[in-house]
C-alpha atoms as a PDB file:
ATOM      1  CA  MET A   1       0.061 193.805 109.419  1.00  0.00           C
ATOM      2  CA  THR A   2       3.393 192.101 109.167  1.00  0.00           C
ATOM      3  CA  VAL A   3       3.852 188.919 107.137  1.00  0.00           C
ATOM      4  CA  THR A   4       6.980 186.831 106.580  1.00  0.00           C
ATOM      5  CA  LEU A   5       8.348 185.739 103.239  1.00  0.00           C
ATOM      6  CA  SER A   6       8.808 181.959 103.080  1.00  0.00           C
ATOM      7  CA  THR A   7      11.942 180.251 101.767  1.00  0.00           C
ATOM      8  CA  ARG A   8      10.000 179.640  98.540  1.00  0.00           C
ATOM      9  CA  GLY A   9       9.210 183.370  98.164  1.00  0.00           C
ATOM     10  CA  GLN A  10       5.580 183.071  99.280  1.00  0.00           C
ATOM     11  CA  LEU A  11       3.544 185.433 101.440  1.00  0.00           C
ATOM     12  CA  VAL A  12       0.298 184.653 103.234  1.00  0.00           C
ATOM     13  CA  ILE A  13      -2.229 187.482 103.001  1.00  0.00           C
ATOM     14  CA  PRO A  14      -3.945 187.678 106.403  1.00  0.00           C
ATOM     15  CA  SER A  15      -7.463 186.222 106.460  1.00  0.00           C
ATOM     16  CA  GLU A  16      -9.017 189.552 107.521  1.00  0.00           C
ATOM     17  CA  ILE A  17      -7.676 191.214 104.364  1.00  0.00           C
ATOM     18  CA  ARG A  18      -8.647 188.241 102.178  1.00  0.00           C
ATOM     19  CA  ARG A  19     -12.224 188.409 103.509  1.00  0.00           C
ATOM     20  CA  ARG A  20     -12.488 192.198 103.169  1.00  0.00           C
ATOM     21  CA  ARG A  21     -11.102 192.133  99.615  1.00  0.00           C
ATOM     22  CA  ARG A  22     -12.969 188.921  98.707  1.00  0.00           C
ATOM     23  CA  LEU A  23      -9.768 187.148  97.670  1.00  0.00           C
ATOM     24  CA  LYS A  24     -10.159 183.437  97.012  1.00  0.00           C
ATOM     25  CA  ALA A  25      -7.660 180.715  96.125  1.00  0.00           C
ATOM     26  CA  GLY A  26      -6.618 181.214  92.508  1.00  0.00           C
ATOM     27  CA  THR A  27      -7.134 184.992  92.499  1.00  0.00           C
ATOM     28  CA  GLN A  28      -4.418 186.575  90.373  1.00  0.00           C
ATOM     29  CA  VAL A  29      -2.518 189.470  91.942  1.00  0.00           C
ATOM     30  CA  GLU A  30      -0.288 191.981  90.164  1.00  0.00           C
ATOM     31  CA  CYS A  31       2.917 192.911  92.036  1.00  0.00           C
ATOM     32  CA  VAL A  32       3.887 196.552  91.429  1.00  0.00           C
ATOM     33  CA  ASP A  33       7.362 197.693  92.508  1.00  0.00           C
ATOM     34  CA  THR A  34       7.243 201.468  93.058  1.00  0.00           C
ATOM     35  CA  GLY A  35      10.882 201.680  94.049  1.00  0.00           C
ATOM     36  CA  SER A  36      10.060 202.307  97.696  1.00  0.00           C
ATOM     37  CA  ALA A  37       7.212 199.815  98.164  1.00  0.00           C
ATOM     38  CA  ILE A  38       5.665 196.687  96.678  1.00  0.00           C
ATOM     39  CA  ILE A  39       1.946 196.990  96.006  1.00  0.00           C
ATOM     40  CA  LEU A  40      -0.276 193.943  95.503  1.00  0.00           C
ATOM     41  CA  VAL A  41      -3.217 194.629  93.198  1.00  0.00           C
ATOM     42  CA  PRO A  42      -5.912 191.934  92.802  1.00  0.00           C
ATOM     43  CA  LEU A  43      -6.794 191.455  89.140  1.00  0.00           C
ATOM     44  CA  PRO A  44     -10.456 191.139  88.136  1.00  0.00           C
ATOM     45  CA  LYS A  45     -11.661 187.794  86.800  1.00  0.00           C
ATOM     46  CA  ASP A  46     -13.139 189.541  83.764  1.00  0.00           C
ATOM     47  CA  PRO A  47     -11.254 192.747  82.901  1.00  0.00           C
ATOM     48  CA  PHE A  48     -13.925 193.791  80.385  1.00  0.00           C
ATOM     49  CA  VAL A  49     -16.662 193.728  83.013  1.00  0.00           C
ATOM     50  CA  ALA A  50     -14.385 195.523  85.484  1.00  0.00           C
ATOM     51  CA  ALA A  51     -13.598 198.249  82.913  1.00  0.00           C
ATOM     52  CA  HIS A  52     -17.251 198.866  82.045  1.00  0.00           C
ATOM     53  CA  GLY A  53     -18.045 202.531  82.619  1.00  0.00           C
ATOM     54  CA  SER A  54     -14.420 203.545  83.220  1.00  0.00           C
ATOM     55  CA  LEU A  55     -14.440 205.786  80.146  1.00  0.00           C
ATOM     56  CA  HIS A  56     -17.575 207.669  81.177  1.00  0.00           C
ATOM     57  CA  GLY A  57     -17.267 211.259  79.977  1.00  0.00           C
ATOM     58  CA  VAL A  58     -14.790 210.382  77.221  1.00  0.00           C
ATOM     59  CA  LEU A  59     -15.835 210.880  73.606  1.00  0.00           C
ATOM     60  CA  SER A  60     -17.813 208.014  72.172  1.00  0.00           C
ATOM     61  CA  ALA A  61     -17.056 206.544  68.752  1.00  0.00           C
ATOM     62  CA  ALA A  62     -20.240 208.210  67.453  1.00  0.00           C
ATOM     63  CA  ASP A  63     -18.984 211.617  68.691  1.00  0.00           C
ATOM     64  CA  VAL A  64     -15.659 211.150  66.931  1.00  0.00           C
ATOM     65  CA  VAL A  65     -17.326 210.075  63.666  1.00  0.00           C
ATOM     66  CA  ALA A  66     -19.718 213.050  63.796  1.00  0.00           C
ATOM     67  CA  ALA A  67     -16.821 215.451  64.415  1.00  0.00           C
ATOM     68  CA  ARG A  68     -14.846 214.026  61.493  1.00  0.00           C
ATOM     69  CA  ARG A  69     -17.890 214.397  59.225  1.00  0.00           C
ATOM     70  CA  GLU A  70     -18.183 218.048  60.270  1.00  0.00           C
ATOM     71  CA  GLU A  71     -14.481 218.557  59.584  1.00  0.00           C
ATOM     72  CA  ARG A  72     -14.833 217.181  56.076  1.00  0.00           C
ATOM     73  CA  ARG A  73     -18.005 219.138  55.418  1.00  0.00           C
ATOM     74  CA  HIS A  74     -16.541 222.481  56.524  1.00  0.00           C
ATOM     75  CA  GLY A  75     -12.902 221.854  55.674  1.00  0.00           C
ATOM     76  CA  HIS A  76     -11.620 222.452  59.228  1.00  0.00           C
ATOM     77  CA  ALA A  77     -11.383 220.737  62.588  1.00  0.00           C
ATOM     78  CA  ALA A  78     -14.718 220.657  64.397  1.00  0.00           C
ATOM     79  CA  ARG A  79     -15.204 220.048  68.085  1.00  0.00           C
ATOM     80  CA  PRO A  80     -17.844 217.507  69.116  1.00  0.00           C
ATOM     81  CA  ALA A  81     -21.170 219.117  70.076  1.00  0.00           C
ATOM     82  CA  HIS A  82     -20.920 218.316  73.787  1.00  0.00           C
ATOM     83  CA  ALA A  83     -17.352 219.743  73.971  1.00  0.00           C
ATOM     84  CA  ARG A  84     -18.385 223.214  72.758  1.00  0.00           C
END
C-alpha cells in the first residue's frame, strides 16, 4: 500500500492495517531506519507483559545460583544440571 507523507511529516496507516494490527489512536510506534527501508514497529502498552516468556529456555536465576554454589564447592566451573 502506498501512503503519502504530509507537509507536517505525518503518515496515515491504512485502516485495513490498523484493524489487522489492532492499532488505536495513541499507540506508540518505533521507527527503525535500516538504511534501505523504514520499519514501523508498534510498541506494546506494557513491555513487561509483552516480554513474559521471551526468555524461555534461558537459565533461570536459581540455575545460575546453583551452578555458582557447585563451583565454590568443587573449586571449578560447573555447568547447570539441565545444560549437561
